[in-house]
N, C-alpha and C. Protein backbone atom coordinates (compact mmCIF):
# COMPACT_ATOMS: atom_id res chain seq x y z
N MET A 1 3.46 4.39 -2.58
CA MET A 1 4.07 3.94 -3.97
C MET A 1 4.00 5.38 -4.78
N GLU A 2 5.10 5.71 -5.22
CA GLU A 2 4.95 6.67 -6.26
C GLU A 2 4.97 6.29 -7.74
N LEU A 3 3.98 6.71 -8.31
CA LEU A 3 3.90 6.44 -9.87
C LEU A 3 4.38 7.45 -10.85
N LYS A 4 4.83 6.89 -11.98
CA LYS A 4 5.18 7.78 -12.96
C LYS A 4 4.52 7.50 -14.30
N LYS A 5 4.35 8.72 -15.29
CA LYS A 5 3.73 8.54 -16.33
C LYS A 5 4.12 7.37 -17.12
N GLY A 6 3.42 6.67 -17.56
CA GLY A 6 4.06 5.31 -18.46
C GLY A 6 4.04 4.25 -17.59
N ASP A 7 4.01 4.28 -16.44
CA ASP A 7 4.02 2.94 -15.58
C ASP A 7 2.81 1.94 -15.86
N ILE A 8 3.09 0.64 -15.98
CA ILE A 8 2.12 -0.38 -16.15
C ILE A 8 1.34 -0.71 -14.74
N VAL A 9 -0.05 -0.59 -14.76
CA VAL A 9 -0.53 -0.69 -13.50
C VAL A 9 -1.55 -1.84 -13.69
N PHE A 10 -2.05 -2.38 -12.61
CA PHE A 10 -3.05 -3.46 -12.12
C PHE A 10 -4.14 -2.90 -11.45
N HIS A 11 -5.35 -2.71 -11.94
CA HIS A 11 -6.48 -2.17 -10.84
C HIS A 11 -7.10 -3.31 -10.40
N LYS A 12 -6.72 -3.55 -8.86
CA LYS A 12 -7.17 -4.83 -8.27
C LYS A 12 -9.00 -4.95 -8.50
N ASN A 13 -9.59 -4.09 -8.14
CA ASN A 13 -11.22 -4.17 -8.43
C ASN A 13 -11.61 -4.51 -9.69
N LEU A 14 -11.13 -3.71 -10.80
CA LEU A 14 -11.57 -3.76 -12.02
C LEU A 14 -10.83 -4.95 -12.66
N ARG A 15 -9.83 -5.32 -11.93
CA ARG A 15 -8.94 -6.58 -12.72
C ARG A 15 -8.53 -6.53 -14.15
N MET A 16 -7.94 -5.11 -14.21
CA MET A 16 -7.49 -4.84 -15.65
C MET A 16 -6.02 -4.12 -15.58
N VAL A 17 -5.36 -4.30 -16.82
CA VAL A 17 -3.95 -3.81 -16.62
C VAL A 17 -4.26 -2.42 -17.47
N GLY A 18 -3.27 -1.41 -17.03
CA GLY A 18 -3.66 -0.20 -17.79
C GLY A 18 -2.24 0.42 -17.69
N THR A 19 -2.19 1.64 -18.23
CA THR A 19 -0.97 2.64 -18.47
C THR A 19 -1.31 4.09 -17.51
N PHE A 20 -0.43 4.11 -16.72
CA PHE A 20 -0.55 5.40 -15.90
C PHE A 20 -0.33 6.72 -16.57
N VAL A 21 -1.38 7.35 -16.37
CA VAL A 21 -1.30 8.64 -17.37
C VAL A 21 -0.86 9.88 -16.18
N GLY A 22 -1.56 10.04 -15.28
CA GLY A 22 -1.09 11.19 -14.39
C GLY A 22 -2.08 11.08 -13.05
N TYR A 23 -1.38 11.90 -12.05
CA TYR A 23 -2.41 12.11 -11.02
C TYR A 23 -3.31 12.74 -11.03
N ALA A 24 -4.45 12.91 -10.53
CA ALA A 24 -5.59 14.01 -10.61
C ALA A 24 -5.22 15.36 -10.13
N TRP A 25 -5.67 16.24 -10.71
CA TRP A 25 -5.40 17.70 -10.23
C TRP A 25 -5.74 17.88 -8.70
N GLU A 26 -6.82 17.15 -8.41
CA GLU A 26 -7.35 17.28 -7.16
C GLU A 26 -6.42 16.67 -5.95
N SER A 27 -6.02 15.75 -6.49
CA SER A 27 -5.20 14.94 -5.15
C SER A 27 -4.33 13.89 -5.78
N LYS A 28 -3.40 13.29 -4.97
CA LYS A 28 -2.73 12.44 -5.38
C LYS A 28 -3.60 10.87 -5.02
N GLU A 29 -4.56 11.03 -4.56
CA GLU A 29 -5.37 9.73 -4.14
C GLU A 29 -6.15 9.08 -5.39
N GLU A 30 -6.32 10.12 -6.36
CA GLU A 30 -7.21 9.83 -7.64
C GLU A 30 -5.84 9.83 -8.76
N ALA A 31 -6.28 8.97 -9.86
CA ALA A 31 -5.38 9.02 -11.14
C ALA A 31 -6.25 8.87 -12.21
N ASP A 32 -5.40 9.11 -13.60
CA ASP A 32 -6.15 8.59 -14.64
C ASP A 32 -5.15 7.66 -15.20
N VAL A 33 -5.94 6.63 -15.45
CA VAL A 33 -5.21 5.54 -16.48
C VAL A 33 -5.90 5.01 -17.74
N ASP A 34 -5.15 4.76 -18.68
CA ASP A 34 -5.52 4.28 -19.99
C ASP A 34 -5.65 2.76 -19.97
N PHE A 35 -6.82 2.21 -20.18
CA PHE A 35 -7.02 0.78 -20.10
C PHE A 35 -7.56 0.56 -21.57
N GLU A 36 -6.68 -0.61 -22.22
CA GLU A 36 -7.02 -1.05 -23.52
C GLU A 36 -8.29 -2.06 -23.30
N MET A 37 -9.35 -1.89 -24.02
CA MET A 37 -10.58 -2.41 -24.12
C MET A 37 -10.33 -3.57 -24.86
N GLU A 38 -11.24 -4.57 -24.91
CA GLU A 38 -11.41 -5.77 -25.76
C GLU A 38 -11.69 -5.49 -27.24
N ASP A 39 -12.13 -4.50 -27.61
CA ASP A 39 -12.35 -3.90 -28.85
C ASP A 39 -11.25 -3.27 -29.49
N GLY A 40 -10.00 -3.57 -28.63
CA GLY A 40 -8.90 -2.44 -29.31
C GLY A 40 -8.85 -1.19 -28.88
N TYR A 41 -9.70 -0.49 -28.44
CA TYR A 41 -9.90 0.97 -28.09
C TYR A 41 -9.28 1.23 -26.72
N THR A 42 -8.52 2.54 -26.45
CA THR A 42 -8.21 2.75 -25.23
C THR A 42 -9.20 3.50 -24.40
N GLU A 43 -9.69 3.31 -23.34
CA GLU A 43 -10.44 4.11 -22.59
C GLU A 43 -9.96 4.59 -21.46
N GLN A 44 -9.82 5.84 -21.02
CA GLN A 44 -9.00 6.63 -19.88
C GLN A 44 -10.25 6.53 -18.83
N ARG A 45 -9.70 6.08 -17.68
CA ARG A 45 -10.68 6.21 -16.49
C ARG A 45 -9.76 6.82 -15.27
N HIS A 46 -10.77 7.42 -14.70
CA HIS A 46 -10.18 8.18 -13.17
C HIS A 46 -10.51 7.15 -12.38
N VAL A 47 -9.59 6.62 -11.57
CA VAL A 47 -9.67 5.84 -10.48
C VAL A 47 -8.84 6.20 -9.26
N SER A 48 -8.90 5.40 -8.15
CA SER A 48 -8.29 5.46 -6.88
C SER A 48 -7.04 4.87 -6.97
N VAL A 49 -6.11 5.64 -6.52
CA VAL A 49 -4.64 5.05 -6.43
C VAL A 49 -4.53 3.80 -5.59
N LYS A 50 -5.51 3.67 -4.59
CA LYS A 50 -5.66 2.59 -3.33
C LYS A 50 -6.04 1.17 -4.39
N GLN A 51 -6.37 1.41 -5.18
CA GLN A 51 -6.79 0.19 -6.26
C GLN A 51 -5.68 -0.25 -7.13
N LEU A 52 -4.60 0.75 -7.36
CA LEU A 52 -3.60 0.22 -8.26
C LEU A 52 -2.53 -0.18 -7.59
N GLU A 53 -1.79 -1.17 -8.36
CA GLU A 53 -0.51 -1.88 -7.97
C GLU A 53 0.31 -1.50 -9.20
N LYS A 54 1.60 -1.49 -9.10
CA LYS A 54 2.67 -1.05 -10.15
C LYS A 54 3.13 -2.35 -10.52
N LYS A 55 3.34 -2.69 -11.85
CA LYS A 55 4.04 -3.71 -12.49
C LYS A 55 5.65 -3.40 -12.29
N PRO A 56 6.11 -4.43 -11.50
CA PRO A 56 7.63 -3.95 -11.76
C PRO A 56 8.29 -3.69 -13.19
N ASP A 57 9.07 -2.66 -13.35
CA ASP A 57 9.82 -2.41 -14.66
C ASP A 57 10.95 -3.11 -14.71
N ASP A 58 11.67 -3.27 -15.62
CA ASP A 58 12.87 -4.30 -16.28
C ASP A 58 13.84 -3.99 -15.20
N GLU A 59 14.22 -2.63 -14.63
CA GLU A 59 15.16 -2.70 -13.62
C GLU A 59 15.05 -3.29 -12.32
N GLU A 60 13.55 -3.23 -11.87
CA GLU A 60 13.40 -3.73 -10.67
C GLU A 60 13.39 -5.41 -10.74
N ILE A 61 12.99 -5.67 -11.82
CA ILE A 61 13.15 -7.26 -12.20
C ILE A 61 14.26 -7.60 -12.41
N ALA A 62 15.28 -7.13 -12.98
CA ALA A 62 16.91 -7.34 -12.89
C ALA A 62 17.33 -7.64 -11.36
N VAL A 63 17.09 -6.58 -10.54
CA VAL A 63 17.56 -6.66 -9.05
C VAL A 63 16.97 -7.95 -8.35
N PHE A 64 15.82 -8.09 -8.69
CA PHE A 64 15.40 -9.34 -8.04
C PHE A 64 15.81 -10.63 -8.46
N VAL A 65 16.10 -10.65 -9.85
CA VAL A 65 16.83 -11.90 -10.31
C VAL A 65 18.01 -12.22 -9.67
N LYS A 66 18.92 -10.75 -9.63
CA LYS A 66 20.03 -10.97 -9.40
C LYS A 66 20.16 -11.32 -8.00
N LYS A 67 19.41 -10.77 -6.95
CA LYS A 67 19.20 -11.43 -5.60
C LYS A 67 19.07 -12.70 -5.54
N TYR A 68 18.11 -13.21 -6.27
CA TYR A 68 17.72 -14.62 -6.37
C TYR A 68 18.61 -15.54 -6.66
N ASN A 69 19.41 -15.29 -7.88
CA ASN A 69 20.62 -15.96 -8.36
C ASN A 69 21.86 -16.12 -7.41
N THR A 70 21.79 -14.95 -6.75
CA THR A 70 23.32 -14.84 -5.72
C THR A 70 22.69 -15.73 -4.49
N LYS A 71 21.65 -15.80 -4.04
CA LYS A 71 21.05 -16.46 -2.82
C LYS A 71 20.83 -18.01 -3.38
N LYS A 72 20.71 -18.22 -4.41
CA LYS A 72 20.48 -19.67 -5.12
C LYS A 72 22.20 -20.22 -5.32
N TRP A 73 23.15 -19.37 -5.69
CA TRP A 73 24.61 -19.96 -5.83
C TRP A 73 24.90 -20.12 -4.34
N ARG A 74 24.81 -19.38 -3.27
CA ARG A 74 25.48 -19.26 -2.18
C ARG A 74 24.83 -20.79 -1.64
N PHE A 75 23.50 -20.95 -1.55
CA PHE A 75 22.99 -22.19 -1.03
C PHE A 75 23.39 -23.54 -1.71
N HIS A 76 23.54 -23.49 -2.92
CA HIS A 76 24.04 -24.66 -4.02
C HIS A 76 25.65 -25.04 -3.32
N HIS A 77 26.34 -23.80 -3.18
CA HIS A 77 27.86 -24.04 -2.74
C HIS A 77 28.02 -24.33 -1.32
N SER A 78 26.99 -24.21 -0.64
CA SER A 78 27.36 -24.31 1.01
C SER A 78 27.00 -25.80 1.01
N LEU A 79 26.37 -26.61 0.11
CA LEU A 79 26.07 -28.11 0.50
C LEU A 79 27.34 -28.92 0.49
């Protein structure tokens, strides 16, 4: 999974949603992520990329919906 600056990510262990800032200079196994805290402040954390899941962007969601609707339409008309 390749992440880009600005991607919305979910940290599985922390159970928090954040914004991907960039990979660590040491390796692509670690990254910096901005997490919005309960008090409204943003806290940047250095985390393991293995713990991150990327939230699908609008284009990826549109592709999924198009595939779903096409399959649904085919199924409905095959009855």
